[in-house]
């Protein structure tokens, strides 16, 4: 580790590249953790809930940015859900 810092002291032109790579790595990690904790389409425990797609709220947007989203329930699916419960 000390050799890495001594290399940066010798070659000062590497400092911006190392800084950009550190920012990119931390942004990728933060984005992954954000999607893992807040999005309902990311599944961590497959055994605890075998059908997680049924628990997704259709009125809540699932994309990072949604311009217009209109949702209306499909009658056939609602009838099917009533019969299976």
N, C-alpha and C. Protein backbone atom coordinates (compact mmCIF):
# COMPACT_ATOMS: atom_id res chain seq x y z
N UNK A 1 0.82 -1.19 0.00
CA UNK A 1 0.00 0.00 0.00
C UNK A 1 0.87 1.26 0.00
N UNK A 2 1.97 1.19 0.76
CA UNK A 2 2.85 2.36 0.81
C UNK A 2 3.50 2.59 -0.55
N UNK A 3 3.75 1.51 -1.29
CA UNK A 3 4.34 1.64 -2.62
C UNK A 3 3.41 2.36 -3.58
N UNK A 4 2.10 2.19 -3.39
CA UNK A 4 1.11 2.86 -4.24
C UNK A 4 1.18 4.37 -4.04
N UNK A 5 1.26 4.80 -2.78
CA UNK A 5 1.32 6.24 -2.49
C UNK A 5 2.65 6.84 -2.93
N UNK A 6 3.71 6.07 -2.82
CA UNK A 6 5.00 6.59 -3.30
C UNK A 6 4.99 6.72 -4.82
N UNK A 7 4.30 5.82 -5.51
CA UNK A 7 4.15 5.93 -6.96
C UNK A 7 3.36 7.17 -7.33
N UNK A 8 2.30 7.46 -6.56
CA UNK A 8 1.53 8.68 -6.82
C UNK A 8 2.35 9.94 -6.56
N UNK A 9 3.24 9.89 -5.57
CA UNK A 9 4.09 11.05 -5.32
C UNK A 9 5.10 11.26 -6.45
N UNK A 10 5.57 10.15 -7.03
CA UNK A 10 6.53 10.27 -8.13
C UNK A 10 5.85 10.71 -9.42
N UNK A 11 4.69 10.15 -9.69
CA UNK A 11 3.97 10.45 -10.93
C UNK A 11 2.67 11.18 -10.59
N UNK A 12 2.74 12.46 -10.52
CA UNK A 12 1.61 13.27 -10.10
C UNK A 12 0.49 13.29 -11.14
N UNK A 13 0.76 12.91 -12.37
CA UNK A 13 -0.28 12.89 -13.40
C UNK A 13 -1.27 11.74 -13.20
N UNK A 14 -0.96 10.79 -12.33
CA UNK A 14 -1.87 9.68 -12.05
C UNK A 14 -2.93 10.04 -11.01
N UNK A 15 -2.75 11.11 -10.28
CA UNK A 15 -3.67 11.48 -9.20
C UNK A 15 -5.09 11.73 -9.71
N UNK A 16 -5.30 12.49 -10.81
CA UNK A 16 -6.69 12.67 -11.29
C UNK A 16 -7.34 11.37 -11.76
N UNK A 17 -6.55 10.50 -12.37
CA UNK A 17 -7.10 9.22 -12.84
C UNK A 17 -7.53 8.36 -11.66
N UNK A 18 -6.69 8.30 -10.64
CA UNK A 18 -7.03 7.52 -9.44
C UNK A 18 -8.25 8.13 -8.75
N UNK A 19 -8.32 9.45 -8.71
CA UNK A 19 -9.48 10.10 -8.10
C UNK A 19 -10.76 9.81 -8.85
N UNK A 20 -10.72 9.89 -10.18
CA UNK A 20 -11.91 9.58 -10.98
C UNK A 20 -12.34 8.12 -10.84
N UNK A 21 -11.38 7.23 -10.78
CA UNK A 21 -11.71 5.81 -10.61
C UNK A 21 -12.33 5.56 -9.23
N UNK A 22 -11.85 6.25 -8.22
CA UNK A 22 -12.42 6.10 -6.88
C UNK A 22 -13.85 6.64 -6.84
N UNK A 23 -14.09 7.77 -7.50
CA UNK A 23 -15.45 8.33 -7.54
C UNK A 23 -16.38 7.39 -8.31
N UNK A 24 -15.91 6.85 -9.43
CA UNK A 24 -16.74 5.94 -10.22
C UNK A 24 -17.06 4.67 -9.45
N UNK A 25 -16.09 4.12 -8.74
CA UNK A 25 -16.33 2.90 -7.97
C UNK A 25 -17.31 3.15 -6.82
N UNK A 26 -17.16 4.28 -6.14
CA UNK A 26 -18.08 4.57 -5.04
C UNK A 26 -19.48 4.87 -5.56
N UNK A 27 -19.60 5.52 -6.72
CA UNK A 27 -20.92 5.78 -7.30
C UNK A 27 -21.60 4.48 -7.73
N UNK A 28 -20.84 3.56 -8.30
CA UNK A 28 -21.41 2.27 -8.68
C UNK A 28 -21.87 1.48 -7.46
N UNK A 29 -21.09 1.52 -6.39
CA UNK A 29 -21.48 0.83 -5.17
C UNK A 29 -22.72 1.47 -4.55
N UNK A 30 -22.77 2.79 -4.52
CA UNK A 30 -23.92 3.49 -3.94
C UNK A 30 -25.18 3.22 -4.76
N UNK A 31 -25.08 3.21 -6.08
CA UNK A 31 -26.23 2.94 -6.93
C UNK A 31 -26.73 1.52 -6.73
N UNK A 32 -25.81 0.58 -6.63
CA UNK A 32 -26.21 -0.82 -6.39
C UNK A 32 -26.92 -0.97 -5.06
N UNK A 33 -26.41 -0.34 -4.02
CA UNK A 33 -27.06 -0.42 -2.71
C UNK A 33 -28.42 0.27 -2.72
N UNK A 34 -28.54 1.37 -3.45
CA UNK A 34 -29.82 2.07 -3.54
C UNK A 34 -30.88 1.17 -4.19
N UNK A 35 -30.54 0.56 -5.31
CA UNK A 35 -31.50 -0.30 -5.99
C UNK A 35 -31.80 -1.56 -5.17
N UNK A 36 -30.81 -2.06 -4.47
CA UNK A 36 -31.01 -3.26 -3.65
C UNK A 36 -31.96 -3.00 -2.50
N UNK A 37 -31.92 -1.81 -1.93
CA UNK A 37 -32.74 -1.54 -0.75
C UNK A 37 -34.09 -0.91 -1.07
N UNK A 38 -34.22 -0.18 -2.18
CA UNK A 38 -35.47 0.55 -2.41
C UNK A 38 -36.35 -0.03 -3.50
N UNK A 39 -35.82 -0.72 -4.45
CA UNK A 39 -36.62 -1.21 -5.57
C UNK A 39 -37.22 -2.57 -5.24
N UNK A 40 -38.48 -2.74 -5.59
CA UNK A 40 -39.16 -3.98 -5.26
C UNK A 40 -38.92 -5.07 -6.29
N UNK A 41 -38.35 -4.75 -7.44
CA UNK A 41 -38.09 -5.79 -8.43
C UNK A 41 -36.73 -6.46 -8.23
N UNK A 42 -35.96 -6.02 -7.24
CA UNK A 42 -34.71 -6.68 -6.88
C UNK A 42 -35.01 -7.65 -5.75
N UNK A 43 -34.69 -8.92 -5.96
CA UNK A 43 -35.03 -9.96 -4.99
C UNK A 43 -33.77 -10.45 -4.31
N UNK A 44 -33.75 -10.40 -2.99
CA UNK A 44 -32.61 -10.89 -2.22
C UNK A 44 -32.91 -12.27 -1.66
N UNK A 45 -34.11 -12.46 -1.13
CA UNK A 45 -34.49 -13.72 -0.50
C UNK A 45 -35.52 -14.43 -1.37
N UNK A 46 -35.08 -15.39 -2.14
CA UNK A 46 -36.00 -16.09 -3.03
C UNK A 46 -36.83 -17.13 -2.30
N UNK A 47 -36.32 -17.67 -1.20
CA UNK A 47 -37.05 -18.73 -0.49
C UNK A 47 -38.14 -18.17 0.41
N UNK A 48 -37.95 -16.95 0.90
CA UNK A 48 -38.93 -16.36 1.81
C UNK A 48 -40.22 -15.98 1.10
N UNK A 49 -40.14 -15.59 -0.15
CA UNK A 49 -41.31 -15.19 -0.92
C UNK A 49 -41.16 -15.76 -2.33
N UNK A 50 -41.81 -16.88 -2.63
CA UNK A 50 -41.61 -17.51 -3.94
C UNK A 50 -42.25 -16.74 -5.10
N UNK A 51 -43.21 -15.86 -4.82
CA UNK A 51 -43.85 -15.08 -5.89
C UNK A 51 -43.79 -13.59 -5.56
N UNK A 52 -42.61 -12.96 -5.66
CA UNK A 52 -42.48 -11.55 -5.28
C UNK A 52 -43.13 -10.60 -6.26
N UNK A 53 -43.38 -11.02 -7.47
CA UNK A 53 -43.98 -10.12 -8.47
C UNK A 53 -45.43 -9.79 -8.15
N UNK A 54 -46.05 -10.57 -7.28
CA UNK A 54 -47.43 -10.28 -6.90
C UNK A 54 -47.52 -9.16 -5.86
N UNK A 55 -46.43 -8.84 -5.21
CA UNK A 55 -46.43 -7.82 -4.16
C UNK A 55 -46.03 -6.44 -4.67
N UNK A 56 -45.76 -6.31 -5.95
CA UNK A 56 -45.34 -5.02 -6.50
C UNK A 56 -46.55 -4.12 -6.67
N UNK A 57 -46.46 -2.91 -6.16
CA UNK A 57 -47.55 -1.94 -6.29
C UNK A 57 -47.54 -1.38 -7.71
N UNK A 58 -48.59 -1.59 -8.49
CA UNK A 58 -48.56 -1.13 -9.88
C UNK A 58 -48.65 0.38 -10.03
N UNK A 59 -49.08 1.07 -8.99
CA UNK A 59 -49.18 2.52 -9.07
C UNK A 59 -47.85 3.21 -8.76
N UNK A 60 -46.93 2.49 -8.15
CA UNK A 60 -45.61 3.04 -7.83
C UNK A 60 -44.69 2.83 -9.04
N UNK A 61 -44.04 3.87 -9.55
CA UNK A 61 -43.17 3.69 -10.71
C UNK A 61 -41.95 2.84 -10.36
N UNK A 62 -41.59 1.95 -11.25
CA UNK A 62 -40.47 1.04 -11.01
C UNK A 62 -39.19 1.49 -11.70
N UNK A 63 -39.29 2.48 -12.57
CA UNK A 63 -38.12 2.96 -13.28
C UNK A 63 -37.46 4.09 -12.51
N UNK A 64 -36.25 4.43 -12.92
CA UNK A 64 -35.54 5.52 -12.28
C UNK A 64 -36.24 6.85 -12.56
N UNK A 65 -36.77 7.00 -13.80
CA UNK A 65 -37.52 8.19 -14.15
C UNK A 65 -38.70 7.77 -15.02
N UNK A 66 -39.91 8.12 -14.60
CA UNK A 66 -41.11 7.79 -15.36
C UNK A 66 -41.78 9.09 -15.77
N UNK A 67 -41.99 9.26 -17.07
CA UNK A 67 -42.58 10.49 -17.57
C UNK A 67 -44.09 10.45 -17.37
N UNK A 68 -44.76 9.49 -17.96
CA UNK A 68 -46.20 9.32 -17.76
C UNK A 68 -46.47 7.84 -17.52
N UNK A 69 -47.26 7.57 -16.53
CA UNK A 69 -47.60 6.19 -16.23
C UNK A 69 -49.06 6.13 -15.84
N UNK A 70 -49.84 5.46 -16.65
CA UNK A 70 -51.24 5.22 -16.32
C UNK A 70 -51.41 3.72 -16.14
N UNK A 71 -52.07 3.37 -15.09
CA UNK A 71 -52.29 1.96 -14.83
C UNK A 71 -53.75 1.75 -14.55
N UNK A 72 -54.29 0.77 -15.23
CA UNK A 72 -55.66 0.35 -14.98
C UNK A 72 -55.65 -1.16 -14.83
N UNK A 73 -56.37 -1.69 -13.85
CA UNK A 73 -56.35 -3.14 -13.65
C UNK A 73 -57.02 -3.88 -14.81
N UNK A 74 -56.46 -5.03 -15.13
CA UNK A 74 -57.03 -5.89 -16.17
C UNK A 74 -58.10 -6.76 -15.50
N UNK A 75 -59.29 -6.74 -16.05
CA UNK A 75 -60.42 -7.43 -15.42
C UNK A 75 -60.19 -8.92 -15.29
N UNK A 76 -59.63 -9.53 -16.32
CA UNK A 76 -59.41 -10.98 -16.28
C UNK A 76 -58.44 -11.37 -15.17
N UNK A 77 -57.41 -10.56 -14.98
CA UNK A 77 -56.45 -10.87 -13.91
C UNK A 77 -57.07 -10.68 -12.53
N UNK A 78 -57.92 -9.67 -12.39
CA UNK A 78 -58.57 -9.46 -11.11
C UNK A 78 -59.51 -10.62 -10.78
N UNK A 79 -60.22 -11.11 -11.78
CA UNK A 79 -61.10 -12.28 -11.56
C UNK A 79 -60.29 -13.50 -11.19
N UNK A 80 -59.18 -13.69 -11.87
CA UNK A 80 -58.31 -14.84 -11.58
C UNK A 80 -57.76 -14.75 -10.17
N UNK A 81 -57.37 -13.56 -9.74
CA UNK A 81 -56.85 -13.40 -8.37
C UNK A 81 -57.93 -13.71 -7.35
N UNK A 82 -59.16 -13.29 -7.62
CA UNK A 82 -60.26 -13.58 -6.68
C UNK A 82 -60.51 -15.07 -6.56
N UNK A 83 -60.40 -15.80 -7.66
CA UNK A 83 -60.67 -17.23 -7.62
C UNK A 83 -59.54 -18.02 -6.97
N UNK A 84 -58.31 -17.53 -7.07
CA UNK A 84 -57.18 -18.25 -6.49
C UNK A 84 -57.02 -17.98 -5.00
N UNK A 85 -57.63 -16.93 -4.47
CA UNK A 85 -57.49 -16.63 -3.03
C UNK A 85 -58.45 -17.42 -2.21
